[in-house]
């Protein structure tokens, strides 16, 4: 089987989000014997989409990666233009939608051209939000376009443009059941379309020494909550920092909050909040191993790789109850708690930090769930079988 992936940025340097999930799915399919290619831009920074990686073909993790320069990145005036558009997304005419899409970037026709010329049985595009996915939806041969939306209930998804994108897909691959329910609520006509809860896989990490991370970030033997990923107000990090500062006023003690990841919006200075920047792969697993819990305060997530990684390490997760996919993961895995406001955040942190045995029990339940449902061999097998059924439905043999 030949599969071509199209996404806005690609590579091991891209941490988190639909793009990381895309790379992992592509690499595991390739390891399973599929012929896999990835077609993307030369960008890494989603706030500018500036070309930074060299264009051309490489082989990464068994995947033939084709990177292309964009014709247009993020317009400097995009935010000012976008505000009024997204205030009433359902009312926008087609011309305004198109301008919004172009200004958001990245506009990269060459990436779409190379994907459609790859001779693939299936062309997978992700996430739904950007120009390359929209263009694949417009141009892919009938029956070949598969969409991994990575959708959450945000203003852009209500633009009429995206109803057409979702409607063009021969199959819809979701990361969680919560995402599937959202899409069916937004677009009821898709309920009969071929669908799969693909999920995301995770490696079951061997035990790691938390001392390496503790030495690097300088917190010594203090207990800490870990927020892993982009430090960005849009990811809930400002709310988390505010809640944690309030918690420390009411509960003085050694507990710290560590932000680890690329910094877009630095949290307000606080003696018990530590920002350490991006971590190596070993540093990430060491940080998870030593944490009281991983905290994911984001509301807008279609899935959470870092939450799966925390559970795989045997550590519990604390997530925002307003985020359906992460709250669903915490509940179904038995490995976490959710907060809906400061009071429930305080109660959860008290429970996790005050009773190590309870935190360990949650983490153990979460790891057991990951072993059953999210280990890569299981994810890859069900994903490949679904793609093969879609390819066969086009009327030709799967190569």
Protein backbone atom coordinates (compact mmCIF):
# COMPACT_ATOMS: atom_id res chain seq x y z
CA UNK A 1 0.00 0.00 0.00
CA UNK A 2 1.18 3.50 -0.84
CA UNK A 3 0.23 6.36 1.47
CA UNK A 4 1.10 10.05 1.02
CA UNK A 5 0.80 12.36 4.02
CA UNK A 6 0.38 16.11 3.66
CA UNK A 7 0.92 18.39 6.63
CA UNK A 8 2.09 21.94 7.31
CA UNK A 9 5.40 21.01 8.99
CA UNK A 10 7.17 17.73 9.38
CA UNK A 11 10.12 16.31 11.29
CA UNK A 12 11.48 15.24 14.62
CA UNK A 13 11.96 18.90 15.60
CA UNK A 14 8.17 19.38 15.57
CA UNK A 15 6.99 18.58 19.09
CA UNK A 16 3.34 17.90 19.85
CA UNK A 17 0.19 18.45 17.88
CA UNK A 18 -1.25 16.91 14.74
CA UNK A 19 2.08 17.22 12.93
CA UNK A 20 3.88 15.00 15.45
CA UNK A 21 1.03 12.48 15.27
CA UNK A 22 1.29 12.55 11.47
CA UNK A 23 5.03 11.78 11.56
CA UNK A 24 4.60 8.97 14.05
CA UNK A 25 1.78 7.35 12.07
CA UNK A 26 3.83 7.67 8.87
CA UNK A 27 6.95 6.12 10.42
CA UNK A 28 5.08 3.21 11.98
CA UNK A 29 3.23 2.48 8.74
CA UNK A 30 6.57 2.47 6.92
CA UNK A 31 8.03 0.10 9.50
CA UNK A 32 5.01 -2.15 8.91
CA UNK A 33 5.90 -2.44 5.21
CA UNK A 34 3.79 0.29 3.59
CA UNK A 35 5.36 2.66 1.04
CA UNK A 36 5.01 6.02 2.76
CA UNK A 37 5.85 9.56 1.72
CA UNK A 38 5.35 12.89 3.50
CA UNK A 39 4.90 16.23 1.75
CA UNK A 40 5.30 19.45 3.67
CA UNK A 41 6.75 22.94 3.89
CA UNK A 42 10.20 24.00 5.05
CA UNK A 43 8.70 25.66 8.13
CA UNK A 44 9.01 24.92 11.84
CA UNK A 45 7.47 28.02 13.44
CA UNK A 46 3.65 27.99 13.27
CA UNK A 47 3.45 31.69 14.08
CA UNK A 48 5.28 32.72 10.88
CA UNK A 49 5.55 29.61 8.64
CA UNK A 50 8.95 30.95 7.59
CA UNK A 51 11.11 28.59 5.49
CA UNK A 52 13.98 27.37 7.68
CA UNK A 53 14.61 23.75 6.64
CA UNK A 54 16.24 23.02 3.28
CA UNK A 55 13.90 22.00 0.48
CA UNK A 56 14.28 18.63 -1.20
CA UNK A 57 13.90 14.93 -0.53
CA UNK A 58 15.23 13.09 2.50
CA UNK A 59 14.48 9.75 4.11
CA UNK A 60 13.55 10.04 7.79
CA UNK A 61 12.40 7.11 9.88
CA UNK A 62 11.79 5.09 6.73
CA UNK A 63 9.58 7.80 5.21
CA UNK A 64 10.42 9.65 1.99
CA UNK A 65 10.05 13.28 3.08
CA UNK A 66 9.56 15.98 0.44
CA UNK A 67 9.87 19.57 1.71
CA UNK A 68 8.99 22.61 -0.38
CA UNK A 69 9.28 26.35 0.01
CA UNK A 70 6.02 28.16 0.66
CA UNK A 71 4.72 30.90 -1.58
CA UNK A 72 3.26 32.65 1.44
CA UNK A 73 3.66 32.38 5.20
CA UNK A 74 1.63 34.04 7.96
CA UNK A 75 0.59 37.56 6.98
CA UNK A 76 1.75 40.09 9.56
CA UNK A 77 -1.76 41.53 9.62
CA UNK A 78 -3.47 38.16 9.92
CA UNK A 79 -4.61 38.56 13.53
CA UNK A 80 -6.18 41.94 12.84
CA UNK A 81 -7.96 40.54 9.77
CA UNK A 82 -8.97 37.31 11.50
CA UNK A 83 -10.66 38.84 14.54
CA UNK A 84 -13.75 40.22 12.77
CA UNK A 85 -13.97 37.15 10.52
CA UNK A 86 -14.03 34.68 13.41
CA UNK A 87 -16.46 36.82 15.39
CA UNK A 88 -19.14 35.59 12.96
CA UNK A 89 -17.55 32.69 11.05
CA UNK A 90 -20.76 31.14 9.70
CA UNK A 91 -21.70 34.40 7.98
CA UNK A 92 -18.54 34.87 5.91
CA UNK A 93 -18.73 34.93 2.10
CA UNK A 94 -16.42 32.66 0.11
CA UNK A 95 -14.08 35.49 -0.89
CA UNK A 96 -13.46 36.46 2.74
CA UNK A 97 -12.90 32.84 3.74
CA UNK A 98 -10.34 32.45 0.97
CA UNK A 99 -8.49 35.59 2.00
CA UNK A 100 -8.48 34.40 5.62
CA UNK A 101 -7.02 31.05 4.54
CA UNK A 102 -4.35 32.69 2.39
CA UNK A 103 -3.34 35.17 5.09
CA UNK A 104 -3.14 32.45 7.74
CA UNK A 105 -0.65 30.47 5.62
CA UNK A 106 1.27 28.47 4.76
CA UNK A 107 0.42 28.54 1.07
CA UNK A 108 2.57 25.80 -0.47
CA UNK A 109 1.27 24.50 -3.83
CA UNK A 110 4.41 22.43 -4.43
CA UNK A 111 3.72 20.24 -1.38
CA UNK A 112 0.25 19.41 -2.65
CA UNK A 113 1.50 18.88 -6.19
CA UNK A 114 4.14 16.38 -5.04
CA UNK A 115 1.66 14.47 -2.87
CA UNK A 116 -0.85 14.13 -5.70
CA UNK A 117 1.91 13.05 -8.09
CA UNK A 118 3.19 10.33 -5.73
CA UNK A 119 0.87 7.63 -7.11
CA UNK A 120 -0.49 6.87 -3.64
CA UNK A 121 -3.55 4.75 -2.93
CA UNK A 122 -4.49 7.15 -0.14
CA UNK A 123 -3.60 10.82 0.47
CA UNK A 124 -3.88 11.75 4.14
CA UNK A 125 -4.01 15.44 5.11
CA UNK A 126 -3.86 16.91 8.61
CA UNK A 127 -4.84 19.13 10.38
CA UNK A 128 -8.04 20.49 8.86
CA UNK A 129 -7.21 24.14 9.53
CA UNK A 130 -4.62 25.10 6.92
CA UNK A 131 -4.26 25.78 3.19
CA UNK A 132 -2.50 22.52 2.22
CA UNK A 133 -5.33 20.40 3.63
CA UNK A 134 -7.97 22.55 1.94
CA UNK A 135 -6.13 22.27 -1.37
CA UNK A 136 -5.84 18.48 -1.08
CA UNK A 137 -9.58 18.33 -0.42
CA UNK A 138 -10.18 20.31 -3.60
CA UNK A 139 -7.83 18.41 -5.88
CA UNK A 140 -7.43 14.81 -4.70
CA UNK A 141 -8.89 12.10 -6.96
CA UNK A 142 -12.31 10.82 -5.83
CA UNK A 143 -12.10 8.32 -3.00
CA UNK A 144 -8.43 8.97 -2.21
CA UNK A 145 -8.58 11.83 0.30
CA UNK A 146 -8.49 10.90 4.00
CA UNK A 147 -8.77 13.63 6.62
CA UNK A 148 -7.36 13.53 10.12
CA UNK A 149 -9.07 16.72 11.29
CA UNK A 150 -7.46 17.19 14.72
CA UNK A 151 -10.63 19.20 15.34
CA UNK A 152 -11.86 20.97 18.41
CA UNK A 153 -14.72 23.40 18.87
CA UNK A 154 -13.08 26.66 17.87
CA UNK A 155 -14.34 29.53 15.68
CA UNK A 156 -12.57 28.53 12.42
CA UNK A 157 -14.30 25.16 12.21
CA UNK A 158 -17.57 27.07 11.77
CA UNK A 159 -16.41 28.72 8.53
CA UNK A 160 -18.51 27.27 5.67
CA UNK A 161 -15.26 26.51 3.87
CA UNK A 162 -14.47 23.69 6.28
CA UNK A 163 -17.84 22.00 5.83
CA UNK A 164 -16.74 21.47 2.24
CA UNK A 165 -13.31 20.18 3.31
CA UNK A 166 -14.79 17.64 5.74
CA UNK A 167 -17.40 16.69 3.16
CA UNK A 168 -14.76 15.91 0.53
CA UNK A 169 -13.09 13.21 2.63
CA UNK A 170 -13.55 9.58 1.68
CA UNK A 171 -12.67 8.68 5.26
CA UNK A 172 -12.26 10.51 8.56
CA UNK A 173 -9.64 9.40 11.06
CA UNK A 174 -10.10 10.71 14.58
CA UNK A 175 -7.72 10.71 17.51
CA UNK A 176 -10.45 10.32 20.14
CA UNK A 177 -14.12 9.44 20.34
CA UNK A 178 -14.74 12.93 21.72
CA UNK A 179 -13.36 14.42 18.50
CA UNK A 180 -15.59 12.13 16.44
CA UNK A 181 -18.69 13.19 18.39
CA UNK A 182 -17.80 16.85 17.91
CA UNK A 183 -17.41 16.48 14.14
CA UNK A 184 -20.69 14.57 13.84
CA UNK A 185 -22.44 17.31 15.82
CA UNK A 186 -20.98 20.00 13.58
CA UNK A 187 -21.54 18.09 10.32
CA UNK A 188 -24.38 15.55 10.84
CA UNK A 189 -24.24 14.48 7.19
CA UNK A 190 -20.89 12.80 7.86
CA UNK A 191 -22.27 10.22 10.29
CA UNK A 192 -22.42 7.60 7.52
CA UNK A 193 -18.96 8.40 6.13
CA UNK A 194 -16.25 5.75 6.79
CA UNK A 195 -14.65 6.63 10.11
CA UNK A 196 -12.04 5.25 12.47
CA UNK A 197 -10.83 6.13 15.94
CA UNK A 198 -7.19 5.90 14.96
CA UNK A 199 -5.80 7.15 18.23
CA UNK A 200 -2.13 7.87 18.68
CA UNK A 201 0.46 5.36 19.75
CA UNK A 202 3.07 5.72 22.41
CA UNK A 203 6.29 3.91 23.21
CA UNK A 204 6.30 2.20 26.57
CA UNK A 205 9.36 3.86 27.99
CA UNK A 206 11.75 1.90 30.18
CA UNK A 207 12.26 3.28 33.69
CA UNK A 208 14.20 6.55 33.64
CA UNK A 209 16.26 8.26 36.32
CA UNK A 210 14.51 11.49 37.33
CA UNK A 211 17.78 12.76 38.76
CA UNK A 212 19.04 13.89 35.34
CA UNK A 213 16.13 16.30 34.93
CA UNK A 214 16.26 17.47 38.55
CA UNK A 215 19.94 18.34 38.19
CA UNK A 216 19.34 20.26 34.97
CA UNK A 217 16.44 22.40 36.17
CA UNK A 218 17.87 22.99 39.62
CA UNK A 219 14.85 22.01 41.72
CA UNK A 220 16.74 19.40 43.72
CA UNK A 221 14.46 17.06 45.63
CA UNK A 222 11.33 19.24 45.49
CA UNK A 223 8.10 17.64 44.29
CA UNK A 224 6.85 19.18 41.06
CA UNK A 225 3.95 19.29 38.65
CA UNK A 226 5.05 19.19 35.03
CA UNK A 227 3.52 21.06 32.09
CA UNK A 228 5.19 19.64 28.97
CA UNK A 229 4.81 21.25 25.56
CA UNK A 230 4.54 24.70 24.05
CA UNK A 231 4.35 27.39 26.75
CA UNK A 232 1.58 29.36 25.14
CA UNK A 233 -1.46 31.17 26.52
CA UNK A 234 -3.49 29.41 23.84
CA UNK A 235 -2.48 26.13 25.49
CA UNK A 236 -3.78 27.25 28.89
CA UNK A 237 -0.40 27.92 30.45
CA UNK A 238 -1.31 31.41 31.71
CA UNK A 239 -4.39 30.02 33.47
CA UNK A 240 -2.33 27.19 34.92
CA UNK A 241 0.31 29.61 36.25
CA UNK A 242 -2.41 31.79 37.81
CA UNK A 243 -4.11 28.82 39.46
CA UNK A 244 -0.80 27.47 40.75
CA UNK A 245 0.20 30.85 42.21
CA UNK A 246 -3.16 30.99 44.00
CA UNK A 247 -2.64 27.45 45.25
CA UNK A 248 0.78 28.33 46.70
CA UNK A 249 -0.66 31.33 48.54
CA UNK A 250 -3.12 28.99 50.25
CA UNK A 251 -0.75 26.02 50.57
CA UNK A 252 2.86 27.12 51.16
CA UNK A 253 5.36 24.33 50.80
CA UNK A 254 7.96 22.79 48.51
CA UNK A 255 5.70 21.93 45.54
CA UNK A 256 6.87 23.52 42.26
CA UNK A 257 5.39 23.87 38.80
CA UNK A 258 7.76 23.22 35.88
CA UNK A 259 7.06 24.41 32.33
CA UNK A 260 9.15 22.48 29.80
CA UNK A 261 8.91 23.32 26.11
CA UNK A 262 9.34 26.13 23.60
CA UNK A 263 8.26 29.43 25.15
CA UNK A 264 5.79 31.62 23.28
CA UNK A 265 4.32 33.42 26.31
CA UNK A 266 6.47 33.20 29.43
CA UNK A 267 4.51 32.78 32.69
CA UNK A 268 4.56 35.58 35.24
CA UNK A 269 7.62 35.34 37.52
CA UNK A 270 7.01 33.28 40.65
CA UNK A 271 9.48 31.68 43.05
CA UNK A 272 7.84 28.26 42.68
CA UNK A 273 7.38 28.31 38.90
CA UNK A 274 10.35 27.09 36.84
CA UNK A 275 10.60 27.43 33.05
CA UNK A 276 13.29 25.21 31.54
CA UNK A 277 12.73 25.46 27.76
CA UNK A 278 12.86 22.53 25.37
CA UNK A 279 14.07 19.13 26.53
CA UNK A 280 15.93 16.34 24.83
CA UNK A 281 14.10 13.03 24.42
CA UNK A 282 15.95 11.62 27.44
CA UNK A 283 15.25 14.80 29.37
CA UNK A 284 11.53 14.52 28.63
CA UNK A 285 11.25 10.97 29.95
CA UNK A 286 13.37 11.85 32.99
CA UNK A 287 11.10 14.83 33.71
CA UNK A 288 7.97 12.69 33.41
CA UNK A 289 9.42 9.97 35.65
CA UNK A 290 10.00 12.39 38.52
CA UNK A 291 6.77 14.37 38.30
CA UNK A 292 3.94 14.24 40.81
CA UNK A 293 1.68 14.53 37.76
CA UNK A 294 1.57 15.94 34.25
CA UNK A 295 -0.77 18.94 33.97
CA UNK A 296 -2.42 19.77 30.65
CA UNK A 297 -4.55 22.89 31.09
CA UNK A 298 -5.41 23.36 27.43
CA UNK A 299 -9.06 23.55 26.41
CA UNK A 300 -8.49 23.13 22.68
CA UNK A 301 -6.96 19.71 22.09
CA UNK A 302 -8.09 16.93 19.77
CA UNK A 303 -5.72 14.52 21.55
CA UNK A 304 -2.68 14.73 23.81
CA UNK A 305 0.49 12.81 23.08
CA UNK A 306 2.20 14.13 26.22
CA UNK A 307 -0.67 12.84 28.36
CA UNK A 308 -0.24 9.38 26.84
CA UNK A 309 3.51 9.61 27.47
CA UNK A 310 2.90 10.51 31.12
CA UNK A 311 0.58 7.54 31.55
CA UNK A 312 3.09 5.29 29.78
CA UNK A 313 5.62 6.39 32.40
CA UNK A 314 3.20 5.50 35.19
CA UNK A 315 2.47 9.09 36.19
CA UNK A 316 -1.07 10.49 36.53
CA UNK A 317 -2.45 13.37 34.50
CA UNK A 318 -4.44 16.44 35.54
CA UNK A 319 -6.40 17.93 32.65
CA UNK A 320 -8.91 20.66 31.89
CA UNK A 321 -12.47 19.32 32.18
CA UNK A 322 -13.54 21.65 29.36
CA UNK A 323 -11.39 19.70 26.90
CA UNK A 324 -13.40 16.66 25.84
CA UNK A 325 -10.57 14.50 24.46
CA UNK A 326 -8.16 14.91 27.39
CA UNK A 327 -10.93 14.60 29.97
CA UNK A 328 -12.10 11.45 28.19
CA UNK A 329 -8.56 10.02 28.28
CA UNK A 330 -8.18 10.72 32.00
CA UNK A 331 -11.56 9.15 32.76
CA UNK A 332 -11.39 6.08 30.51
CA UNK A 333 -7.81 5.21 31.37
CA UNK A 334 -8.42 5.60 35.09
CA UNK A 335 -5.13 7.48 35.13
CA UNK A 336 -6.06 11.05 35.88
CA UNK A 337 -8.24 13.81 37.24
CA UNK A 338 -9.89 16.84 35.66
CA UNK A 339 -10.45 20.37 36.94
CA UNK A 340 -13.26 22.73 35.93
CA UNK A 341 -12.08 25.79 37.85
CA UNK A 342 -9.81 26.83 40.67
CA UNK A 343 -11.65 24.93 43.43
CA UNK A 344 -11.40 21.57 41.65
CA UNK A 345 -7.80 22.35 40.64
CA UNK A 346 -6.91 22.93 44.29
CA UNK A 347 -8.63 19.72 45.37
CA UNK A 348 -6.92 17.69 42.66
CA UNK A 349 -3.45 19.07 43.40
CA UNK A 350 -3.99 18.44 47.11
CA UNK A 351 -4.96 14.85 46.37
CA UNK A 352 -2.07 14.16 44.00
CA UNK A 353 0.66 15.87 46.01
CA UNK A 354 -0.63 14.95 49.46
CA UNK A 355 -1.13 11.24 48.84
CA UNK A 356 1.73 9.72 46.81
CA UNK A 357 0.10 6.29 47.03
CA UNK A 358 -3.06 7.56 45.35
CA UNK A 359 -1.04 9.30 42.63
CA UNK A 360 0.94 6.11 42.01
CA UNK A 361 -2.28 4.08 41.79
CA UNK A 362 -3.70 6.44 39.18
CA UNK A 363 -0.46 6.26 37.23
CA UNK A 364 -0.44 2.46 37.33
CA UNK A 365 -4.02 2.31 36.02
CA UNK A 366 -3.09 4.73 33.25
CA UNK A 367 -0.06 2.69 32.20
CA UNK A 368 -2.16 -0.47 32.07
CA UNK A 369 -4.66 1.27 29.78
CA UNK A 370 -1.86 2.51 27.51
CA UNK A 371 -0.45 -1.00 27.23
CA UNK A 372 -3.85 -2.33 26.11
CA UNK A 373 -4.97 0.39 23.70
CA UNK A 374 -2.16 2.77 22.78
CA UNK A 375 0.96 0.67 22.26
CA UNK A 376 2.18 1.27 18.70
CA UNK A 377 1.72 -2.27 17.32
CA UNK A 378 -2.01 -2.17 18.13
CA UNK A 379 -2.47 1.35 16.74
CA UNK A 380 -0.55 0.59 13.54
CA UNK A 381 -2.44 -2.62 12.85
CA UNK A 382 -5.90 -1.05 13.12
CA UNK A 383 -4.83 2.04 11.18
CA UNK A 384 -3.35 0.10 8.28
CA UNK A 385 -6.34 -2.22 8.06
CA UNK A 386 -8.69 0.77 7.86
CA UNK A 387 -6.64 2.53 5.16
CA UNK A 388 -6.53 -0.69 3.12
CA UNK A 389 -10.32 -0.98 3.27
CA UNK A 390 -10.65 2.60 2.03
CA UNK A 391 -8.20 1.98 -0.81
CA UNK A 392 -10.01 -1.19 -1.84
CA UNK A 393 -13.31 0.71 -1.87
CA UNK A 394 -11.92 2.85 -4.71
CA UNK A 395 -12.25 -0.19 -6.94
CA UNK A 396 -8.63 -1.10 -7.52
CA UNK A 397 -6.10 -3.42 -5.88
CA UNK A 398 -3.98 -2.11 -3.05
CA UNK A 399 -0.37 -2.03 -4.16
